[in-house]
Amino acid sequence: MSEQEKISNHEIIYAIQPIEFRLDLKDPFLFTAHHIDHFPIGKEQMQPVTPPTDDKPYRMYYSETGVPGFPEHPHTGFETITFVESGYVDHFDSLGNCGRYGAGDVQWLSTGNGIEHCEMFPLLHTDKENPFELFQIWFNSSPQEKTEDPAYKMMWREHIPHVIETDAQGVKTDIRVVSGEFKSQQALERPKNSWAHAKENKVNIFMIQLDPHAELTIPATTATSNRFCYFYNGPTLEIEGETIPFKHLVELKSDVDIHLKNGTEIGRIMWLEGEPIGAPVAMRGPFVLNSDEELNTAFARYRQTHFGKWPWESTAPVFKRDQPRFASYNKGEEVEYPETAS
């Protein structure tokens, strides 16, 4: 009997939790928000034509324009890693960066010593509904990283590495490697002041799609890492033989291989693991520091400086409907489109 076979499911699966919206995680992850919004047809100015209904709900955040989204707001001391699975996001920030990104793209924003930004969800389609699905990971920064300048990086879907595994029956699994590595496939580089940048921190973030009845083994990582699997699409998933229902978060032992077996429909998983930072966490709204004293200092600094002058005419700007996906850095000094991104 192998060492893996000697370990019971109880020792591999630490917890299973149903999820509605927020995934509560462990160091170096803070939490993840999973937005699913059934936005209707859009008006000419990209607002919804009808309010939410019981059968097609959406969480609406009104701005001065009526376009869904989060108008200008501050962050400091952590990172937001934003995955758009369907729909579009228009980003603007106090550094003069901006961009539009869509389904399959990932935005990595290190908020460092302070930044203001807005995230708007323009409803581009006027002839059909505008379904929207977004994950946003709040990922902690080390004490040193909290003092560094903020940074904004786009990871276009065309450039995010994939590992495709196909068994003898042609059943396929697709692993999008957003951070870290999977079976020697390296992710794109993360911002240099991110805890995920250093290889030794073993921050692996995978978006996994499994065909019906597909099986996959995730290799072991370090014994000190924290590890989570969020099963968010499909009727059932087996982890080490235990059935996991739809929209459940599973905390797992990190230093063993984990065997997954999908059910009868396409399954989708967010996989998160990484070495903990190990520093105290003091969190108040969108400010994440290491003590109450540091929080008070940061709020006082924000009241004085607003983390820099907001360079946009509106607190909730959006691009024109026909704007393709792109990223503009440092007030337009560098403009990047997916086909030319490196």
C-alpha atoms as a PDB file:
ATOM      1  CA  MET A   1       0.000   0.000   0.000  1.00  0.00           C
ATOM      2  CA  SER A   2       1.370   3.438  -0.963  1.00  0.00           C
ATOM      3  CA  GLU A   3       1.785   6.264   1.535  1.00  0.00           C
ATOM      4  CA  GLN A   4      -1.075   8.101  -0.195  1.00  0.00           C
ATOM      5  CA  GLU A   5      -3.389   5.087   0.224  1.00  0.00           C
ATOM      6  CA  LYS A   6      -2.630   4.976   3.945  1.00  0.00           C
ATOM      7  CA  ILE A   7      -4.030   8.490   4.397  1.00  0.00           C
ATOM      8  CA  SER A   8      -7.792   8.587   4.933  1.00  0.00           C
ATOM      9  CA  ASN A   9     -10.087  11.075   3.225  1.00  0.00           C
ATOM     10  CA  HIS A  10     -10.600  12.730   6.594  1.00  0.00           C
ATOM     11  CA  GLU A  11      -6.896  13.543   6.724  1.00  0.00           C
ATOM     12  CA  ILE A  12      -6.844  14.870   3.127  1.00  0.00           C
ATOM     13  CA  ILE A  13     -10.108  16.867   3.107  1.00  0.00           C
ATOM     14  CA  TYR A  14     -10.070  19.318   6.010  1.00  0.00           C
ATOM     15  CA  ALA A  15     -13.358  21.128   5.340  1.00  0.00           C
ATOM     16  CA  ILE A  16     -16.193  21.395   2.794  1.00  0.00           C
ATOM     17  CA  GLN A  17     -18.204  24.618   2.760  1.00  0.00           C
ATOM     18  CA  PRO A  18     -21.192  25.709   0.621  1.00  0.00           C
ATOM     19  CA  ILE A  19     -20.640  29.008  -1.187  1.00  0.00           C
ATOM     20  CA  GLU A  20     -23.136  31.705  -2.125  1.00  0.00           C
ATOM     21  CA  PHE A  21     -20.829  34.591  -3.004  1.00  0.00           C
ATOM     22  CA  ARG A  22     -17.720  34.876  -0.796  1.00  0.00           C
ATOM     23  CA  LEU A  23     -14.983  32.276  -0.349  1.00  0.00           C
ATOM     24  CA  ASP A  24     -13.219  32.733   2.998  1.00  0.00           C
ATOM     25  CA  LEU A  25      -9.644  31.546   2.576  1.00  0.00           C
ATOM     26  CA  LYS A  26      -6.315  31.411   4.441  1.00  0.00           C
ATOM     27  CA  ASP A  27      -2.948  33.130   4.182  1.00  0.00           C
ATOM     28  CA  PRO A  28      -1.694  34.277   1.662  1.00  0.00           C
ATOM     29  CA  PHE A  29      -5.268  34.537   0.301  1.00  0.00           C
ATOM     30  CA  LEU A  30      -7.751  36.793   2.083  1.00  0.00           C
ATOM     31  CA  PHE A  31     -10.990  35.863   0.302  1.00  0.00           C
ATOM     32  CA  THR A  32     -12.478  35.500  -3.161  1.00  0.00           C
ATOM     33  CA  ALA A  33     -15.723  37.061  -4.409  1.00  0.00           C
ATOM     34  CA  HIS A  34     -17.654  35.171  -7.101  1.00  0.00           C
ATOM     35  CA  HIS A  35     -20.049  37.461  -8.977  1.00  0.00           C
ATOM     36  CA  ILE A  36     -22.702  35.922 -11.235  1.00  0.00           C
ATOM     37  CA  ASP A  37     -24.989  38.588 -12.645  1.00  0.00           C
ATOM     38  CA  HIS A  38     -27.771  38.033 -15.167  1.00  0.00           C
ATOM     39  CA  PHE A  39     -27.605  41.464 -16.764  1.00  0.00           C
ATOM     40  CA  PRO A  40     -30.326  42.102 -19.362  1.00  0.00           C
ATOM     41  CA  ILE A  41     -30.084  43.792 -22.753  1.00  0.00           C
ATOM     42  CA  GLY A  42     -28.121  47.030 -22.523  1.00  0.00           C
ATOM     43  CA  LYS A  43     -29.357  50.506 -23.361  1.00  0.00           C
ATOM     44  CA  GLU A  44     -27.458  52.645 -25.831  1.00  0.00           C
ATOM     45  CA  GLN A  45     -25.424  54.097 -22.958  1.00  0.00           C
ATOM     46  CA  MET A  46     -24.662  50.556 -21.658  1.00  0.00           C
ATOM     47  CA  GLN A  47     -27.046  50.558 -18.673  1.00  0.00           C
ATOM     48  CA  PRO A  48     -29.544  47.721 -18.060  1.00  0.00           C
ATOM     49  CA  VAL A  49     -32.955  48.124 -19.664  1.00  0.00           C
ATOM     50  CA  THR A  50     -34.812  46.332 -16.855  1.00  0.00           C
ATOM     51  CA  PRO A  51     -34.319  45.829 -13.094  1.00  0.00           C
ATOM     52  CA  PRO A  52     -33.325  42.437 -11.674  1.00  0.00           C
ATOM     53  CA  THR A  53     -35.969  39.730 -11.289  1.00  0.00           C
ATOM     54  CA  ASP A  54     -36.197  36.631  -9.104  1.00  0.00           C
ATOM     55  CA  ASP A  55     -35.308  34.338 -11.978  1.00  0.00           C
ATOM     56  CA  LYS A  56     -32.595  36.640 -13.419  1.00  0.00           C
ATOM     57  CA  PRO A  57     -31.059  38.480 -10.473  1.00  0.00           C
ATOM     58  CA  TYR A  58     -28.061  40.755 -10.497  1.00  0.00           C
ATOM     59  CA  ARG A  59     -26.197  42.777  -7.904  1.00  0.00           C
ATOM     60  CA  MET A  60     -26.334  46.311  -9.183  1.00  0.00           C
ATOM     61  CA  TYR A  61     -23.969  49.068  -8.109  1.00  0.00           C
ATOM     62  CA  TYR A  62     -25.276  52.317  -9.525  1.00  0.00           C
ATOM     63  CA  SER A  63     -22.943  55.096 -10.513  1.00  0.00           C
ATOM     64  CA  GLU A  64     -23.628  58.547 -11.850  1.00  0.00           C
ATOM     65  CA  THR A  65     -24.044  56.980 -15.306  1.00  0.00           C
ATOM     66  CA  GLY A  66     -26.204  54.028 -14.252  1.00  0.00           C
ATOM     67  CA  VAL A  67     -23.692  51.565 -15.707  1.00  0.00           C
ATOM     68  CA  PRO A  68     -23.124  48.623 -13.333  1.00  0.00           C
ATOM     69  CA  GLY A  69     -19.851  48.582 -11.462  1.00  0.00           C
ATOM     70  CA  PHE A  70     -17.778  49.965  -8.618  1.00  0.00           C
ATOM     71  CA  PRO A  71     -17.029  53.688  -9.044  1.00  0.00           C
ATOM     72  CA  GLU A  72     -13.798  55.287  -7.759  1.00  0.00           C
ATOM     73  CA  HIS A  73     -12.629  53.734  -4.471  1.00  0.00           C
ATOM     74  CA  PRO A  74      -9.321  53.181  -2.641  1.00  0.00           C
ATOM     75  CA  HIS A  75      -7.213  50.104  -1.855  1.00  0.00           C
ATOM     76  CA  THR A  76      -3.940  49.597  -0.056  1.00  0.00           C
ATOM     77  CA  GLY A  77      -1.802  46.748   1.259  1.00  0.00           C
ATOM     78  CA  PHE A  78      -2.947  43.791  -0.859  1.00  0.00           C
ATOM     79  CA  GLU A  79      -3.625  42.681  -4.433  1.00  0.00           C
ATOM     80  CA  THR A  80      -6.766  42.116  -6.460  1.00  0.00           C
ATOM     81  CA  ILE A  81      -6.584  39.329  -9.038  1.00  0.00           C
ATOM     82  CA  THR A  82      -9.658  39.648 -11.244  1.00  0.00           C
ATOM     83  CA  PHE A  83     -10.836  36.907 -13.619  1.00  0.00           C
ATOM     84  CA  VAL A  84     -13.567  37.752 -16.125  1.00  0.00           C
ATOM     85  CA  GLU A  85     -15.312  34.574 -17.259  1.00  0.00           C
ATOM     86  CA  SER A  86     -18.082  36.361 -19.198  1.00  0.00           C
ATOM     87  CA  GLY A  87     -18.846  40.012 -19.870  1.00  0.00           C
ATOM     88  CA  TYR A  88     -16.503  43.025 -19.846  1.00  0.00           C
ATOM     89  CA  VAL A  89     -14.759  45.270 -17.311  1.00  0.00           C
ATOM     90  CA  ASP A  90     -13.543  48.846 -17.842  1.00  0.00           C
ATOM     91  CA  HIS A  91     -10.687  49.737 -15.480  1.00  0.00           C
ATOM     92  CA  PHE A  92      -9.417  53.227 -14.546  1.00  0.00           C
ATOM     93  CA  ASP A  93      -7.006  54.137 -11.743  1.00  0.00           C
ATOM     94  CA  SER A  94      -5.251  57.057 -10.068  1.00  0.00           C
ATOM     95  CA  LEU A  95      -1.922  56.208 -11.743  1.00  0.00           C
ATOM     96  CA  GLY A  96      -3.461  57.006 -15.133  1.00  0.00           C
ATOM     97  CA  ASN A  97      -3.785  53.352 -16.156  1.00  0.00           C
ATOM     98  CA  CYS A  98      -6.932  52.173 -17.869  1.00  0.00           C
ATOM     99  CA  GLY A  99      -8.195  49.355 -20.033  1.00  0.00           C
ATOM    100  CA  ARG A 100     -11.016  47.069 -21.117  1.00  0.00           C
ATOM    101  CA  TYR A 101     -10.810  43.348 -20.579  1.00  0.00           C
ATOM    102  CA  GLY A 102     -13.225  40.491 -21.147  1.00  0.00           C
ATOM    103  CA  ALA A 103     -13.974  36.803 -20.938  1.00  0.00           C
ATOM    104  CA  GLY A 104     -10.849  34.777 -20.196  1.00  0.00           C
ATOM    105  CA  ASP A 105      -8.651  37.773 -19.311  1.00  0.00           C
ATOM    106  CA  VAL A 106      -7.082  38.330 -15.889  1.00  0.00           C
ATOM    107  CA  GLN A 107      -6.112  41.652 -14.329  1.00  0.00           C
ATOM    108  CA  TRP A 108      -3.498  41.664 -11.539  1.00  0.00           C
ATOM    109  CA  LEU A 109      -3.460  44.864  -9.470  1.00  0.00           C
ATOM    110  CA  SER A 110      -0.908  45.314  -6.680  1.00  0.00           C
ATOM    111  CA  THR A 111      -2.279  48.128  -4.527  1.00  0.00           C
ATOM    112  CA  GLY A 112       0.935  48.552  -2.501  1.00  0.00           C
ATOM    113  CA  ASN A 113       1.074  51.839  -0.595  1.00  0.00           C
ATOM    114  CA  GLY A 114      -2.209  53.035  -2.054  1.00  0.00           C
ATOM    115  CA  ILE A 115      -4.244  53.457  -5.224  1.00  0.00           C
ATOM    116  CA  GLU A 116      -7.748  54.483  -6.258  1.00  0.00           C
ATOM    117  CA  HIS A 117      -9.484  52.670  -9.090  1.00  0.00           C
ATOM    118  CA  CYS A 118     -12.887  51.945 -10.534  1.00  0.00           C
ATOM    119  CA  GLU A 119     -14.271  48.811 -12.164  1.00  0.00           C
ATOM    120  CA  MET A 120     -17.260  49.316 -14.429  1.00  0.00           C
ATOM    121  CA  PHE A 121     -19.267  46.596 -16.201  1.00  0.00           C
ATOM    122  CA  PRO A 122     -20.583  48.090 -19.457  1.00  0.00           C
ATOM    123  CA  LEU A 123     -23.454  46.199 -21.058  1.00  0.00           C
ATOM    124  CA  LEU A 124     -22.224  46.182 -24.642  1.00  0.00           C
ATOM    125  CA  HIS A 125     -25.007  44.145 -26.245  1.00  0.00           C
ATOM    126  CA  THR A 126     -28.203  45.981 -27.166  1.00  0.00           C
ATOM    127  CA  ASP A 127     -29.723  43.010 -29.010  1.00  0.00           C
ATOM    128  CA  LYS A 128     -29.211  40.249 -26.431  1.00  0.00           C
ATOM    129  CA  GLU A 129     -28.623  39.726 -22.728  1.00  0.00           C
ATOM    130  CA  ASN A 130     -25.273  40.519 -21.096  1.00  0.00           C
ATOM    131  CA  PRO A 131     -24.408  37.611 -18.749  1.00  0.00           C
ATOM    132  CA  PHE A 132     -21.564  38.480 -16.387  1.00  0.00           C
ATOM    133  CA  GLU A 133     -19.315  36.239 -14.294  1.00  0.00           C
ATOM    134  CA  LEU A 134     -16.287  37.478 -12.406  1.00  0.00           C
ATOM    135  CA  PHE A 135     -13.951  36.188  -9.715  1.00  0.00           C
ATOM    136  CA  GLN A 136     -11.873  38.580  -7.658  1.00  0.00           C
ATOM    137  CA  ILE A 137      -9.216  37.202  -5.326  1.00  0.00           C
ATOM    138  CA  TRP A 138      -8.073  39.482  -2.518  1.00  0.00           C
ATOM    139  CA  PHE A 139      -4.478  38.337  -2.126  1.00  0.00           C
ATOM    140  CA  ASN A 140      -2.365  39.592   0.763  1.00  0.00           C
ATOM    141  CA  SER A 141       0.995  41.361   0.515  1.00  0.00           C
ATOM    142  CA  SER A 142       3.992  41.001   2.815  1.00  0.00           C
ATOM    143  CA  PRO A 143       4.828  43.898   5.162  1.00  0.00           C
ATOM    144  CA  GLN A 144       7.534  45.097   2.748  1.00  0.00           C
ATOM    145  CA  GLU A 145       5.256  44.781  -0.303  1.00  0.00           C
ATOM    146  CA  LYS A 146       2.648  46.937   1.426  1.00  0.00           C
ATOM    147  CA  THR A 147       5.107  49.858   1.287  1.00  0.00           C
ATOM    148  CA  GLU A 148       5.915  49.527  -2.430  1.00  0.00           C
ATOM    149  CA  ASP A 149       4.388  51.501  -5.295  1.00  0.00           C
ATOM    150  CA  PRO A 150       1.210  50.012  -6.826  1.00  0.00           C
ATOM    151  CA  ALA A 151       1.367  48.156 -10.136  1.00  0.00           C
ATOM    152  CA  TYR A 152      -1.177  47.139 -12.789  1.00  0.00           C
ATOM    153  CA  LYS A 153      -0.753  44.202 -15.175  1.00  0.00           C
ATOM    154  CA  MET A 154      -3.044  42.593 -17.747  1.00  0.00           C
ATOM    155  CA  MET A 155      -2.880  38.890 -18.544  1.00  0.00           C
ATOM    156  CA  TRP A 156      -4.694  38.423 -21.847  1.00  0.00           C
ATOM    157  CA  ARG A 157      -6.498  35.155 -22.502  1.00  0.00           C
ATOM    158  CA  GLU A 158      -4.480  34.713 -25.695  1.00  0.00           C
ATOM    159  CA  HIS A 159      -1.266  34.574 -23.650  1.00  0.00           C
ATOM    160  CA  ILE A 160      -2.202  32.752 -20.442  1.00  0.00           C
ATOM    161  CA  PRO A 161      -0.559  29.299 -20.637  1.00  0.00           C
ATOM    162  CA  HIS A 162      -2.745  26.193 -20.740  1.00  0.00           C
ATOM    163  CA  VAL A 163      -1.939  22.560 -20.039  1.00  0.00           C
ATOM    164  CA  ILE A 164      -4.239  20.203 -21.979  1.00  0.00           C
ATOM    165  CA  GLU A 165      -4.405  16.605 -20.807  1.00  0.00           C
ATOM    166  CA  THR A 166      -6.273  13.967 -22.843  1.00  0.00           C
ATOM    167  CA  ASP A 167      -6.759  10.351 -21.790  1.00  0.00           C
ATOM    168  CA  ALA A 168      -6.955   7.269 -24.020  1.00  0.00           C
ATOM    169  CA  GLN A 169     -10.701   7.780 -24.533  1.00  0.00           C
ATOM    170  CA  GLY A 170     -10.186  11.375 -25.683  1.00  0.00           C
ATOM    171  CA  VAL A 171     -11.552  12.885 -22.476  1.00  0.00           C
ATOM    172  CA  LYS A 172      -9.917  16.282 -21.994  1.00  0.00           C
ATOM    173  CA  THR A 173      -8.892  18.488 -19.095  1.00  0.00           C
ATOM    174  CA  ASP A 174      -7.792  22.110 -19.615  1.00  0.00           C
ATOM    175  CA  ILE A 175      -5.685  23.796 -16.907  1.00  0.00           C
ATOM    176  CA  ARG A 176      -5.206  27.575 -17.212  1.00  0.00           C
ATOM    177  CA  VAL A 177      -2.000  28.379 -15.336  1.00  0.00           C
ATOM    178  CA  VAL A 178      -2.526  31.894 -13.949  1.00  0.00           C
ATOM    179  CA  SER A 179       0.168  31.768 -11.260  1.00  0.00           C
ATOM    180  CA  GLY A 180       2.974  29.355 -10.427  1.00  0.00           C
ATOM    181  CA  GLU A 181       3.371  26.241 -12.530  1.00  0.00           C
ATOM    182  CA  PHE A 182       1.598  23.024 -13.415  1.00  0.00           C
ATOM    183  CA  LYS A 183       3.757  20.055 -14.426  1.00  0.00           C
ATOM    184  CA  SER A 184       6.627  22.336 -15.551  1.00  0.00           C
ATOM    185  CA  GLN A 185       4.367  24.808 -17.421  1.00  0.00           C
ATOM    186  CA  GLN A 186       5.202  28.231 -16.011  1.00  0.00           C
ATOM    187  CA  ALA A 187       2.631  31.025 -15.670  1.00  0.00           C
ATOM    188  CA  LEU A 188       3.151  34.530 -16.980  1.00  0.00           C
ATOM    189  CA  GLU A 189       5.289  36.701 -14.735  1.00  0.00           C
ATOM    190  CA  ARG A 190       3.454  38.299 -11.837  1.00  0.00           C
ATOM    191  CA  PRO A 191       4.130  41.888 -10.661  1.00  0.00           C
ATOM    192  CA  LYS A 192       7.581  42.040  -9.068  1.00  0.00           C
ATOM    193  CA  ASN A 193       6.267  43.282  -5.703  1.00  0.00           C
ATOM    194  CA  SER A 194       3.808  40.401  -5.381  1.00  0.00           C
ATOM    195  CA  TRP A 195       4.152  37.525  -2.907  1.00  0.00           C
ATOM    196  CA  ALA A 196       3.270  35.352  -5.913  1.00  0.00           C
ATOM    197  CA  HIS A 197       6.285  36.584  -7.896  1.00  0.00           C
ATOM    198  CA  ALA A 198       8.884  34.564  -5.976  1.00  0.00           C
ATOM    199  CA  LYS A 199       8.944  30.921  -7.067  1.00  0.00           C
ATOM    200  CA  GLU A 200       9.685  29.697  -3.536  1.00  0.00           C
ATOM    201  CA  ASN A 201       6.285  30.954  -2.329  1.00  0.00           C
ATOM    202  CA  LYS A 202       4.581  28.281  -4.456  1.00  0.00           C
ATOM    203  CA  VAL A 203       1.530  30.417  -5.261  1.00  0.00           C
ATOM    204  CA  ASN A 204      -0.344  28.264  -7.746  1.00  0.00           C
ATOM    205  CA  ILE A 205      -3.618  29.545  -9.193  1.00  0.00           C
ATOM    206  CA  PHE A 206      -5.284  27.305 -11.772  1.00  0.00           C
ATOM    207  CA  MET A 207      -8.619  27.574 -13.565  1.00  0.00           C
ATOM    208  CA  ILE A 208      -9.510  24.012 -14.507  1.00  0.00           C
ATOM    209  CA  GLN A 209     -12.144  22.744 -16.944  1.00  0.00           C
ATOM    210  CA  LEU A 210     -12.889  19.026 -16.992  1.00  0.00           C
ATOM    211  CA  ASP A 211     -14.830  17.188 -19.687  1.00  0.00           C
ATOM    212  CA  PRO A 212     -17.533  14.777 -18.467  1.00  0.00           C
ATOM    213  CA  HIS A 213     -15.897  11.885 -16.572  1.00  0.00           C
ATOM    214  CA  ALA A 214     -12.423  13.452 -16.849  1.00  0.00           C
ATOM    215  CA  GLU A 215      -9.867  12.635 -14.152  1.00  0.00           C
ATOM    216  CA  LEU A 216      -6.938  14.761 -13.041  1.00  0.00           C
ATOM    217  CA  THR A 217      -4.220  14.522 -10.408  1.00  0.00           C
ATOM    218  CA  ILE A 218      -2.890  17.740  -8.887  1.00  0.00           C
ATOM    219  CA  PRO A 219       0.708  17.279  -7.696  1.00  0.00           C
ATOM    220  CA  ALA A 220       1.632  17.776  -4.051  1.00  0.00           C
ATOM    221  CA  THR A 221       3.065  21.093  -2.924  1.00  0.00           C
ATOM    222  CA  THR A 222       4.766  21.960   0.379  1.00  0.00           C
ATOM    223  CA  ALA A 223       3.439  20.815   3.756  1.00  0.00           C
ATOM    224  CA  THR A 224       3.244  24.433   4.942  1.00  0.00           C
ATOM    225  CA  SER A 225       1.113  25.718   2.049  1.00  0.00           C
ATOM    226  CA  ASN A 226      -2.608  26.430   2.293  1.00  0.00           C
ATOM    227  CA  ARG A 227      -4.676  24.749  -0.426  1.00  0.00           C
ATOM    228  CA  PHE A 228      -8.261  25.180  -1.661  1.00  0.00           C
ATOM    229  CA  CYS A 229     -10.461  23.819  -4.451  1.00  0.00           C
ATOM    230  CA  TYR A 230     -13.630  25.716  -5.417  1.00  0.00           C
ATOM    231  CA  PHE A 231     -16.020  23.623  -7.541  1.00  0.00           C
ATOM    232  CA  TYR A 232     -18.279  26.163  -9.228  1.00  0.00           C
ATOM    233  CA  ASN A 233     -19.689  24.494 -12.352  1.00  0.00           C
ATOM    234  CA  GLY A 234     -21.082  20.988 -12.834  1.00  0.00           C
ATOM    235  CA  PRO A 235     -23.364  18.655 -10.880  1.00  0.00           C
ATOM    236  CA  THR A 236     -20.746  16.720  -8.869  1.00  0.00           C
ATOM    237  CA  LEU A 237     -17.018  16.282  -8.456  1.00  0.00           C
ATOM    238  CA  GLU A 238     -15.143  13.520  -6.640  1.00  0.00           C
ATOM    239  CA  ILE A 239     -12.048  14.427  -4.637  1.00  0.00           C
ATOM    240  CA  GLU A 240     -10.188  11.350  -3.449  1.00  0.00           C
ATOM    241  CA  GLY A 241     -13.446   9.409  -3.819  1.00  0.00           C
ATOM    242  CA  GLU A 242     -15.591  11.835  -1.807  1.00  0.00           C
ATOM    243  CA  THR A 243     -18.476  13.534  -3.650  1.00  0.00           C
ATOM    244  CA  ILE A 244     -18.359  17.338  -3.637  1.00  0.00           C
ATOM    245  CA  PRO A 245     -21.577  19.180  -4.576  1.00  0.00           C
ATOM    246  CA  PHE A 246     -21.825  22.149  -6.903  1.00  0.00           C
ATOM    247  CA  LYS A 247     -20.613  25.512  -5.505  1.00  0.00           C
ATOM    248  CA  HIS A 248     -18.640  24.153  -2.582  1.00  0.00           C
ATOM    249  CA  LEU A 249     -15.204  25.144  -1.333  1.00  0.00           C
ATOM    250  CA  VAL A 250     -12.865  22.380  -0.176  1.00  0.00           C
ATOM    251  CA  GLU A 251      -9.800  22.892   2.023  1.00  0.00           C
ATOM    252  CA  LEU A 252      -7.203  20.203   1.353  1.00  0.00           C
ATOM    253  CA  LYS A 253      -3.994  18.709   2.658  1.00  0.00           C
ATOM    254  CA  SER A 254      -1.205  20.295   0.641  1.00  0.00           C
ATOM    255  CA  ASP A 255       1.702  17.830   0.620  1.00  0.00           C
ATOM    256  CA  VAL A 256      -0.071  14.940  -1.134  1.00  0.00           C
ATOM    257  CA  ASP A 257      -1.227  14.392  -4.708  1.00  0.00           C
ATOM    258  CA  ILE A 258      -4.968  15.049  -5.051  1.00  0.00           C
ATOM    259  CA  HIS A 259      -7.062  12.972  -7.464  1.00  0.00           C
ATOM    260  CA  LEU A 260     -10.132  14.580  -9.051  1.00  0.00           C
ATOM    261  CA  LYS A 261     -12.878  12.819 -11.002  1.00  0.00           C
ATOM    262  CA  ASN A 262     -15.560  14.849 -12.740  1.00  0.00           C
ATOM    263  CA  GLY A 263     -19.241  13.955 -13.049  1.00  0.00           C
ATOM    264  CA  THR A 264     -21.503  13.730 -16.083  1.00  0.00           C
ATOM    265  CA  GLU A 265     -21.241  17.346 -17.328  1.00  0.00           C
ATOM    266  CA  ILE A 266     -18.437  19.834 -17.874  1.00  0.00           C
ATOM    267  CA  GLY A 267     -16.896  20.757 -14.531  1.00  0.00           C
ATOM    268  CA  ARG A 268     -15.019  23.933 -13.628  1.00  0.00           C
ATOM    269  CA  ILE A 269     -12.726  24.502 -10.673  1.00  0.00           C
ATOM    270  CA  MET A 270     -10.663  27.326  -9.214  1.00  0.00           C
ATOM    271  CA  TRP A 271      -7.563  25.867  -7.533  1.00  0.00           C
ATOM    272  CA  LEU A 272      -5.616  27.997  -5.030  1.00  0.00           C
ATOM    273  CA  GLU A 273      -2.496  27.151  -3.026  1.00  0.00           C
ATOM    274  CA  GLY A 274       0.469  29.018  -1.609  1.00  0.00           C
ATOM    275  CA  GLU A 275       2.937  29.488   1.207  1.00  0.00           C
ATOM    276  CA  PRO A 276       1.576  31.728   3.970  1.00  0.00           C
ATOM    277  CA  ILE A 277       3.106  35.153   4.545  1.00  0.00           C
ATOM    278  CA  GLY A 278       2.837  34.658   8.283  1.00  0.00           C
ATOM    279  CA  ALA A 279       2.414  38.331   9.230  1.00  0.00           C
ATOM    280  CA  PRO A 280      -0.450  39.764  11.324  1.00  0.00           C
ATOM    281  CA  VAL A 281      -3.477  40.929   9.330  1.00  0.00           C
ATOM    282  CA  ALA A 282      -5.377  44.087  10.218  1.00  0.00           C
ATOM    283  CA  MET A 283      -8.202  44.669   7.743  1.00  0.00           C
ATOM    284  CA  ARG A 284     -10.693  47.516   7.587  1.00  0.00           C
ATOM    285  CA  GLY A 285     -12.716  47.634   4.392  1.00  0.00           C
ATOM    286  CA  PRO A 286     -10.371  47.881   1.393  1.00  0.00           C
ATOM    287  CA  PHE A 287      -7.284  48.567   3.566  1.00  0.00           C
ATOM    288  CA  VAL A 288      -5.180  45.557   4.631  1.00  0.00           C
ATOM    289  CA  LEU A 289      -2.180  46.228   6.867  1.00  0.00           C
ATOM    290  CA  ASN A 290      -0.456  44.595   9.842  1.00  0.00           C
ATOM    291  CA  SER A 291      -1.803  46.551  12.831  1.00  0.00           C
ATOM    292  CA  ASP A 292      -4.569  48.945  13.860  1.00  0.00           C
ATOM    293  CA  GLU A 293      -1.962  51.690  14.160  1.00  0.00           C
ATOM    294  CA  GLU A 294      -0.920  51.150  10.532  1.00  0.00           C
ATOM    295  CA  LEU A 295      -4.571  51.217   9.466  1.00  0.00           C
ATOM    296  CA  ASN A 296      -5.148  54.519  11.247  1.00  0.00           C
ATOM    297  CA  THR A 297      -2.065  56.001   9.590  1.00  0.00           C
ATOM    298  CA  ALA A 298      -3.193  54.785   6.163  1.00  0.00           C
ATOM    299  CA  PHE A 299      -6.694  56.245   6.567  1.00  0.00           C
ATOM    300  CA  ALA A 300      -5.220  59.569   7.653  1.00  0.00           C
ATOM    301  CA  ARG A 301      -2.901  59.565   4.632  1.00  0.00           C
ATOM    302  CA  TYR A 302      -5.824  58.747   2.343  1.00  0.00           C
ATOM    303  CA  ARG A 303      -7.891  61.635   3.726  1.00  0.00           C
ATOM    304  CA  GLN A 304      -4.965  63.967   2.960  1.00  0.00           C
ATOM    305  CA  THR A 305      -3.827  62.642  -0.415  1.00  0.00           C
ATOM    306  CA  HIS A 306      -6.531  60.344  -1.864  1.00  0.00           C
ATOM    307  CA  PHE A 307      -3.504  58.278  -2.945  1.00  0.00           C
ATOM    308  CA  GLY A 308      -2.957  60.749  -5.778  1.00  0.00           C
ATOM    309  CA  LYS A 309      -5.190  62.977  -7.849  1.00  0.00           C
ATOM    310  CA  TRP A 310      -7.975  61.194  -9.749  1.00  0.00           C
ATOM    311  CA  PRO A 311      -7.123  61.955 -13.399  1.00  0.00           C
ATOM    312  CA  TRP A 312     -10.492  61.087 -14.977  1.00  0.00           C
ATOM    313  CA  GLU A 313     -13.477  63.384 -15.571  1.00  0.00           C
ATOM    314  CA  SER A 314     -15.928  60.980 -13.921  1.00  0.00           C
ATOM    315  CA  THR A 315     -15.795  58.774 -10.815  1.00  0.00           C
ATOM    316  CA  ALA A 316     -17.315  55.992 -12.956  1.00  0.00           C
ATOM    317  CA  PRO A 317     -15.988  56.382 -16.505  1.00  0.00           C
ATOM    318  CA  VAL A 318     -16.547  53.854 -19.275  1.00  0.00           C
ATOM    319  CA  PHE A 319     -15.179  53.507 -22.786  1.00  0.00           C
ATOM    320  CA  LYS A 320     -17.239  53.734 -25.943  1.00  0.00           C
ATOM    321  CA  ARG A 321     -19.179  50.651 -26.916  1.00  0.00           C
ATOM    322  CA  ASP A 322     -16.903  49.794 -29.854  1.00  0.00           C
ATOM    323  CA  GLN A 323     -13.649  50.005 -27.856  1.00  0.00           C
ATOM    324  CA  PRO A 324     -11.765  46.687 -28.235  1.00  0.00           C
ATOM    325  CA  ARG A 325      -9.926  45.067 -25.324  1.00  0.00           C
ATOM    326  CA  PHE A 326      -6.733  46.944 -24.479  1.00  0.00           C
ATOM    327  CA  ALA A 327      -4.575  48.284 -21.652  1.00  0.00           C
ATOM    328  CA  SER A 328      -3.066  51.762 -21.351  1.00  0.00           C
ATOM    329  CA  TYR A 329      -0.283  52.366 -18.857  1.00  0.00           C
ATOM    330  CA  ASN A 330       0.997  55.560 -17.224  1.00  0.00           C
ATOM    331  CA  LYS A 331      -1.398  58.048 -18.823  1.00  0.00           C
ATOM    332  CA  GLY A 332      -1.144  56.531 -22.277  1.00  0.00           C
ATOM    333  CA  GLU A 333       2.648  56.256 -22.515  1.00  0.00           C
ATOM    334  CA  GLU A 334       2.259  52.574 -23.385  1.00  0.00           C
ATOM    335  CA  VAL A 335      -0.781  51.005 -25.053  1.00  0.00           C
ATOM    336  CA  GLU A 336      -1.157  47.240 -25.303  1.00  0.00           C
ATOM    337  CA  TYR A 337      -3.628  45.124 -27.251  1.00  0.00           C
ATOM    338  CA  PRO A 338      -4.018  41.342 -26.755  1.00  0.00           C
ATOM    339  CA  GLU A 339      -2.498  40.391 -30.102  1.00  0.00           C
ATOM    340  CA  THR A 340       0.703  42.326 -29.284  1.00  0.00           C
ATOM    341  CA  ALA A 341       0.937  41.616 -25.541  1.00  0.00           C
ATOM    342  CA  SER A 342       4.058  39.830 -24.397  1.00  0.00           C
END
